[in-house]
Amino acid sequence: MLIKHTKKSQLKESQLTSESVYKERRNIIKGLGLAALTIPFIKPASASVFDIFSSGNDQDKNALFQRSALSFTKNTNYQSLTPLTPEDKVIQYNNFYEFGTGKGDPAQYSQQFKVDPWSLTIDGLVDNPQTLNYEDLLKKFDIEERLYRMRCVEAWSMNIPWLGFTLATLLKQAGVKSDAKYVRFETVFDPDQMRGQASRFVGGSINFPYVEGLTIEEAMNPLALLSVGLYGKTLAPQNGAPIRLVVPWKYGFKSIKSIVKITLTDKAPVNTWQALGPDEYGFFANVNPRADHPRWSQASERFIGEGNVFQQSRQNTQMFNGYEEEVGHLYKGMDLLRNF
């Protein structure tokens, strides 16, 4: 008899979301446009993108970015019975300041974004520097589905079925040199397509391009995923098309979107939010219910599931977003309140 150990990060069957979520598209979209969070640099979400989906205008719908179905396998190690956030909310409730600071801005202003051609460069302290094109990202690697929690630093959370391959797979292919200690990631810089990059007012005063970083140990952890899709299809622009990072034990801003460059280095990169607000955002940004943001508690979170996105019940935040068993050893002996 095969006895499989269930990790603490796996949820119970009783927590599954019902199928009604996927059948009540218009009601979900209507609920999304009611209000907006009060957070730094965030303005109220625009309603126009929701109007596109809820209207009967087929011409408007056809103008939206077209996602393609992907072939993938389900990784049974990461297919816990997780309550999925409805797909409509995942693709319309976003932070992606390159397209604007409102929650609806990324979906509204990214629909003409071009992902093909694309170029992803892996360089720095590697034996085999390389450049991948759009087709490589989708076909060169074995794509698998993993259900991961996503926890935003703003104290809301989702559960998402990502499609992708491990970051470690790519790094091993490039050949990591022994003196590489960190991995630096960079988002595409294209002000002609990304209105937030063209205007500091629209883009929340960020100095673009967006930069993120991991230690080499974090990057090689099996949980670290390079995602090329979600819900069985390629990524939408607002979700980071064509390729983004997903590190589920860290706050969402660490999961950099629309990556064009991955550099192995011996120096710790200064990530974008760390540079913008060093007292609020550290390099690690691990989910920690005991390490509050200066302006709000991180002890609980608002899970975005069925119903009105702004009236979700709160639940307790889990250490490392519930992935402590898988990643806790990376931070053994570290002061997790000081190294936020």
Protein backbone atom coordinates (compact mmCIF):
# COMPACT_ATOMS: atom_id res chain seq x y z
CA MET A 1 0.00 0.00 0.00
CA LEU A 2 1.29 3.42 -0.92
CA ILE A 3 0.96 5.87 1.94
CA LYS A 4 1.49 9.43 0.81
CA HIS A 5 2.52 12.05 3.34
CA THR A 6 0.34 15.14 3.12
CA LYS A 7 2.21 18.39 3.61
CA LYS A 8 0.75 21.12 5.77
CA SER A 9 0.50 23.30 2.67
CA GLN A 10 -2.15 21.01 1.23
CA LEU A 11 -5.76 21.88 1.94
CA LYS A 12 -8.75 19.67 2.66
CA GLU A 13 -11.41 18.58 0.18
CA SER A 14 -14.02 20.46 2.20
CA GLN A 15 -12.31 23.72 1.21
CA LEU A 16 -12.92 23.28 -2.52
CA THR A 17 -14.70 26.02 -4.44
CA SER A 18 -17.97 24.95 -6.05
CA GLU A 19 -18.45 24.85 -9.83
CA SER A 20 -20.99 27.65 -9.58
CA VAL A 21 -18.09 30.10 -9.54
CA TYR A 22 -17.33 29.33 -13.16
CA LYS A 23 -20.96 29.57 -14.28
CA GLU A 24 -21.79 32.97 -12.83
CA ARG A 25 -19.37 35.07 -14.84
CA ARG A 26 -21.45 38.22 -15.03
CA ASN A 27 -22.30 38.26 -11.34
CA ILE A 28 -18.63 37.88 -10.47
CA ILE A 29 -17.57 40.70 -12.75
CA LYS A 30 -20.30 42.94 -11.39
CA GLY A 31 -19.06 42.34 -7.85
CA LEU A 32 -15.49 43.16 -8.81
CA GLY A 33 -16.24 46.78 -9.67
CA LEU A 34 -17.82 47.90 -6.39
CA ALA A 35 -14.87 49.36 -4.52
CA ALA A 36 -11.08 49.58 -4.25
CA LEU A 37 -8.49 49.00 -1.56
CA THR A 38 -6.75 51.92 0.11
CA ILE A 39 -3.06 51.18 -0.29
CA PRO A 40 0.07 53.16 -1.20
CA PHE A 41 0.15 54.40 -4.80
CA ILE A 42 -3.13 52.61 -5.60
CA LYS A 43 -6.08 54.42 -7.13
CA PRO A 44 -9.65 53.06 -7.38
CA ALA A 45 -10.00 50.26 -9.89
CA SER A 46 -11.31 51.23 -13.29
CA ALA A 47 -14.70 49.80 -14.19
CA SER A 48 -14.35 49.91 -17.96
CA VAL A 49 -12.60 46.55 -18.27
CA PHE A 50 -15.44 44.95 -16.32
CA ASP A 51 -17.96 46.57 -18.65
CA ILE A 52 -16.25 44.88 -21.61
CA PHE A 53 -16.78 41.42 -20.11
CA SER A 54 -20.30 42.03 -18.85
CA SER A 55 -21.60 43.71 -22.00
CA GLY A 56 -22.97 41.91 -25.01
CA ASN A 57 -20.62 43.67 -27.40
CA ASP A 58 -18.87 40.86 -29.30
CA GLN A 59 -16.58 43.33 -31.04
CA ASP A 60 -15.20 44.49 -27.67
CA LYS A 61 -14.65 40.89 -26.56
CA ASN A 62 -12.79 40.06 -29.76
CA ALA A 63 -10.44 42.98 -29.15
CA LEU A 64 -9.14 41.38 -25.96
CA PHE A 65 -5.78 39.64 -25.83
CA GLN A 66 -6.18 36.09 -27.12
CA ARG A 67 -4.86 33.31 -24.86
CA SER A 68 -3.97 29.89 -26.24
CA ALA A 69 -4.53 26.45 -24.74
CA LEU A 70 -1.38 24.72 -23.46
CA SER A 71 -0.49 21.06 -23.21
CA PHE A 72 0.57 20.15 -19.69
CA THR A 73 0.70 17.44 -17.07
CA LYS A 74 -0.59 17.72 -13.53
CA ASN A 75 2.16 17.49 -10.95
CA THR A 76 0.58 15.36 -8.24
CA ASN A 77 2.97 16.75 -5.64
CA TYR A 78 1.42 20.19 -6.15
CA GLN A 79 -2.19 19.27 -6.92
CA SER A 80 -3.58 19.63 -3.41
CA LEU A 81 -7.33 20.08 -3.09
CA THR A 82 -7.08 23.84 -3.00
CA PRO A 83 -10.04 26.23 -3.26
CA LEU A 84 -9.39 27.95 -6.56
CA THR A 85 -9.91 31.65 -7.00
CA PRO A 86 -12.30 32.10 -9.97
CA GLU A 87 -10.42 32.65 -13.21
CA ASP A 88 -12.30 35.88 -13.93
CA LYS A 89 -10.91 37.44 -10.76
CA VAL A 90 -7.38 36.20 -11.34
CA ILE A 91 -7.24 37.87 -14.76
CA GLN A 92 -8.97 41.11 -13.73
CA TYR A 93 -7.78 41.91 -10.20
CA ASN A 94 -4.07 42.63 -10.57
CA ASN A 95 -1.08 44.65 -9.55
CA PHE A 96 1.08 45.43 -12.56
CA TYR A 97 2.13 49.08 -12.32
CA GLU A 98 3.60 49.02 -15.82
CA PHE A 99 -0.01 49.40 -16.97
CA GLY A 100 -1.31 51.55 -14.09
CA THR A 101 -1.84 51.41 -10.35
CA GLY A 102 -5.54 50.58 -10.24
CA LYS A 103 -6.58 46.96 -9.83
CA GLY A 104 -8.45 47.06 -13.15
CA ASP A 105 -5.78 49.03 -15.03
CA PRO A 106 -3.59 46.06 -16.05
CA ALA A 107 -6.50 44.22 -17.70
CA GLN A 108 -7.83 47.39 -19.32
CA TYR A 109 -4.61 48.81 -20.73
CA SER A 110 -2.62 45.67 -21.64
CA GLN A 111 -4.81 44.06 -24.27
CA GLN A 112 -2.66 45.22 -27.21
CA PHE A 113 0.55 44.03 -25.53
CA LYS A 114 2.78 42.02 -27.89
CA VAL A 115 4.43 38.88 -26.53
CA ASP A 116 5.66 37.46 -29.83
CA PRO A 117 8.43 38.06 -30.72
CA TRP A 118 9.97 37.79 -27.24
CA SER A 119 13.50 37.40 -25.97
CA LEU A 120 14.55 36.04 -22.57
CA THR A 121 18.28 36.24 -21.86
CA ILE A 122 20.08 34.17 -19.21
CA ASP A 123 23.53 35.53 -18.51
CA GLY A 124 26.05 36.45 -15.83
CA LEU A 125 27.79 33.73 -13.84
CA VAL A 126 26.69 30.83 -16.03
CA ASP A 127 28.61 28.40 -18.23
CA ASN A 128 26.13 28.55 -21.09
CA PRO A 129 24.59 32.01 -21.60
CA GLN A 130 21.54 31.73 -23.79
CA THR A 131 18.56 33.50 -25.25
CA LEU A 132 15.11 31.94 -25.49
CA ASN A 133 12.41 33.10 -27.88
CA TYR A 134 8.65 32.94 -27.49
CA GLU A 135 8.35 29.45 -28.94
CA ASP A 136 11.14 28.18 -26.69
CA LEU A 137 9.26 29.35 -23.59
CA LEU A 138 6.21 27.29 -24.51
CA LYS A 139 7.74 24.23 -26.16
CA LYS A 140 11.30 23.70 -24.95
CA PHE A 141 10.30 22.67 -21.42
CA ASP A 142 7.87 20.14 -20.01
CA ILE A 143 4.93 22.22 -18.79
CA GLU A 144 3.15 21.14 -15.62
CA GLU A 145 0.25 22.45 -13.59
CA ARG A 146 0.72 23.38 -9.95
CA LEU A 147 -1.85 24.80 -7.56
CA TYR A 148 -0.20 27.54 -5.50
CA ARG A 149 -1.43 30.04 -2.97
CA MET A 150 -0.58 33.66 -3.78
CA ARG A 151 -0.38 36.16 -0.90
CA CYS A 152 -0.17 39.88 -1.66
CA VAL A 153 1.66 42.22 0.70
CA GLU A 154 -1.62 44.19 0.76
CA ALA A 155 -3.13 41.34 2.86
CA TRP A 156 -5.31 39.65 0.23
CA SER A 157 -4.73 36.22 -1.25
CA MET A 158 -5.69 33.91 -4.10
CA ASN A 159 -5.24 30.26 -5.07
CA ILE A 160 -4.17 29.79 -8.69
CA PRO A 161 -3.48 26.82 -11.00
CA TRP A 162 -0.21 27.90 -12.62
CA LEU A 163 1.35 26.26 -15.68
CA GLY A 164 5.11 26.29 -16.02
CA PHE A 165 8.45 24.68 -15.25
CA THR A 166 10.86 25.01 -12.34
CA LEU A 167 13.34 27.85 -12.31
CA ALA A 168 15.97 25.28 -11.33
CA THR A 169 15.46 23.50 -14.66
CA LEU A 170 16.41 26.61 -16.59
CA LEU A 171 19.32 27.49 -14.31
CA LYS A 172 20.79 24.00 -14.51
CA GLN A 173 20.54 24.15 -18.29
CA ALA A 174 22.49 27.42 -18.24
CA GLY A 175 25.10 25.97 -15.89
CA VAL A 176 25.38 27.92 -12.64
CA LYS A 177 28.95 28.85 -11.72
CA SER A 178 30.11 28.13 -8.16
CA ASP A 179 30.52 31.81 -7.30
CA ALA A 180 26.90 32.67 -8.21
CA LYS A 181 25.07 33.64 -5.02
CA TYR A 182 22.00 35.47 -6.33
CA VAL A 183 19.62 35.55 -9.29
CA ARG A 184 18.51 38.91 -10.65
CA PHE A 185 15.32 39.23 -12.73
CA GLU A 186 14.29 42.12 -14.96
CA THR A 187 10.94 42.98 -16.56
CA VAL A 188 10.66 44.21 -20.14
CA PHE A 189 11.06 47.97 -20.60
CA ASP A 190 8.72 49.14 -23.34
CA PRO A 191 7.09 52.54 -22.62
CA ASP A 192 5.35 52.45 -25.99
CA GLN A 193 3.30 49.47 -24.81
CA MET A 194 3.34 50.05 -21.06
CA ARG A 195 1.73 53.35 -20.09
CA GLY A 196 3.01 53.15 -16.52
CA GLN A 197 6.59 53.14 -17.77
CA ALA A 198 5.91 56.21 -19.89
CA SER A 199 4.59 58.24 -16.95
CA ARG A 200 5.79 58.25 -13.34
CA PHE A 201 2.34 59.46 -12.30
CA VAL A 202 0.60 56.53 -13.97
CA GLY A 203 3.26 54.02 -12.87
CA GLY A 204 3.32 54.85 -9.16
CA SER A 205 6.68 56.67 -9.14
CA ILE A 206 8.59 53.46 -9.83
CA ASN A 207 11.95 53.57 -11.58
CA PHE A 208 11.54 51.03 -14.36
CA PRO A 209 12.47 48.46 -15.49
CA TYR A 210 11.15 46.41 -12.58
CA VAL A 211 13.83 44.31 -10.85
CA GLU A 212 13.62 41.38 -8.45
CA GLY A 213 16.03 38.93 -6.88
CA LEU A 214 16.41 35.61 -5.09
CA THR A 215 19.29 33.87 -3.38
CA ILE A 216 20.62 30.94 -5.37
CA GLU A 217 19.23 28.58 -2.71
CA GLU A 218 15.75 30.09 -3.09
CA ALA A 219 15.98 29.95 -6.87
CA MET A 220 16.92 26.27 -6.84
CA ASN A 221 14.09 25.31 -4.49
CA PRO A 222 11.56 23.03 -6.24
CA LEU A 223 8.71 25.44 -5.44
CA ALA A 224 10.21 28.31 -7.49
CA LEU A 225 8.33 28.24 -10.79
CA LEU A 226 8.64 30.03 -14.11
CA SER A 227 5.04 30.28 -15.25
CA VAL A 228 3.85 30.54 -18.85
CA GLY A 229 0.16 30.05 -18.16
CA LEU A 230 -2.75 29.60 -15.79
CA TYR A 231 -6.11 27.84 -15.94
CA GLY A 232 -4.95 25.68 -18.84
CA LYS A 233 -4.03 28.59 -21.12
CA THR A 234 -1.15 30.96 -21.75
CA LEU A 235 -0.79 33.96 -19.47
CA ALA A 236 -2.77 37.13 -20.08
CA PRO A 237 -0.63 40.29 -20.29
CA GLN A 238 -1.92 41.52 -16.93
CA ASN A 239 -0.75 38.26 -15.35
CA GLY A 240 2.77 38.59 -16.73
CA ALA A 241 2.74 37.18 -20.26
CA PRO A 242 4.62 35.50 -21.71
CA ILE A 243 6.70 34.37 -18.71
CA ARG A 244 6.79 35.29 -15.04
CA LEU A 245 8.23 34.05 -11.77
CA VAL A 246 6.06 32.45 -9.07
CA VAL A 247 7.53 32.08 -5.57
CA PRO A 248 4.50 31.13 -3.45
CA TRP A 249 6.10 31.52 -0.01
CA LYS A 250 6.88 35.19 -0.65
CA TYR A 251 4.63 38.22 -1.07
CA GLY A 252 3.30 38.56 -4.58
CA PHE A 253 5.48 41.47 -5.67
CA LYS A 254 8.47 39.11 -5.63
CA SER A 255 6.89 37.12 -8.48
CA ILE A 256 8.13 39.41 -11.23
CA LYS A 257 6.17 39.52 -14.50
CA SER A 258 7.04 39.66 -18.22
CA ILE A 259 10.68 38.72 -17.67
CA VAL A 260 13.29 39.52 -20.34
CA LYS A 261 16.50 38.96 -18.39
CA ILE A 262 17.77 36.55 -15.73
CA THR A 263 21.28 37.25 -14.47
CA LEU A 264 23.37 35.11 -12.11
CA THR A 265 25.52 37.29 -9.86
CA ASP A 266 27.64 37.27 -6.72
CA LYS A 267 26.01 40.45 -5.38
CA ALA A 268 22.55 40.84 -3.90
CA PRO A 269 20.34 42.78 -6.34
CA VAL A 270 18.28 45.65 -4.94
CA ASN A 271 14.70 44.86 -5.90
CA THR A 272 12.40 47.62 -7.09
CA TRP A 273 10.16 47.92 -4.02
CA GLN A 274 13.14 47.65 -1.71
CA ALA A 275 14.67 50.66 -3.46
CA LEU A 276 11.40 52.61 -3.41
CA GLY A 277 10.50 51.93 0.24
CA PRO A 278 13.35 50.26 2.17
CA ASP A 279 11.50 50.59 5.48
CA GLU A 280 8.49 48.73 4.07
CA TYR A 281 9.86 46.15 1.65
CA GLY A 282 12.97 44.06 2.23
CA PHE A 283 14.92 41.77 -0.06
CA PHE A 284 13.35 38.55 1.22
CA ALA A 285 9.67 39.56 1.50
CA ASN A 286 8.73 36.19 2.99
CA VAL A 287 5.13 35.86 4.14
CA ASN A 288 5.25 36.24 7.92
CA PRO A 289 2.13 36.85 10.04
CA ARG A 290 4.29 38.27 12.84
CA ALA A 291 6.13 40.82 10.70
CA ASP A 292 3.60 43.59 10.13
CA HIS A 293 3.78 46.14 7.38
CA PRO A 294 4.34 49.62 8.92
CA ARG A 295 0.76 50.55 8.00
CA TRP A 296 -1.21 47.33 8.47
CA SER A 297 -1.14 43.94 10.12
CA GLN A 298 -0.07 40.82 8.25
CA ALA A 299 -1.64 38.49 10.82
CA SER A 300 -4.68 37.87 8.63
CA GLU A 301 -5.63 38.07 4.98
CA ARG A 302 -8.69 38.43 2.79
CA PHE A 303 -9.01 35.40 0.51
CA ILE A 304 -10.52 36.23 -2.86
CA GLY A 305 -12.88 33.40 -3.71
CA GLU A 306 -16.57 33.19 -4.53
CA GLY A 307 -18.78 36.23 -4.24
CA ASN A 308 -17.97 39.91 -3.91
CA VAL A 309 -14.21 40.44 -3.99
CA PHE A 310 -14.48 43.26 -1.43
CA GLN A 311 -16.59 41.33 1.07
CA GLN A 312 -14.46 38.22 1.54
CA SER A 313 -14.06 36.79 5.03
CA ARG A 314 -10.61 37.04 6.61
CA GLN A 315 -8.44 34.09 7.48
CA ASN A 316 -5.21 33.72 9.44
CA THR A 317 -1.97 34.22 7.53
CA GLN A 318 0.27 31.15 7.54
CA MET A 319 4.03 31.34 7.99
CA PHE A 320 5.70 31.25 4.57
CA ASN A 321 2.16 31.26 3.16
CA GLY A 322 1.71 27.65 4.27
CA TYR A 323 4.93 26.38 2.69
CA GLU A 324 7.08 26.34 5.83
CA GLU A 325 7.76 22.62 5.55
CA GLU A 326 9.20 23.08 2.08
CA VAL A 327 11.22 26.29 2.55
CA GLY A 328 11.72 26.91 6.27
CA HIS A 329 15.19 25.37 6.20
CA LEU A 330 16.37 28.13 3.86
CA TYR A 331 16.10 30.64 6.69
CA LYS A 332 17.31 28.58 9.66
CA GLY A 333 18.92 30.85 12.25
CA MET A 334 17.79 34.02 10.50
CA ASP A 335 15.97 36.78 12.38
CA LEU A 336 12.78 36.80 10.32
CA LEU A 337 11.54 40.03 11.88
CA ARG A 338 14.71 41.88 10.99
CA ASN A 339 15.20 40.27 7.58
CA PHE A 340 11.76 41.07 6.18
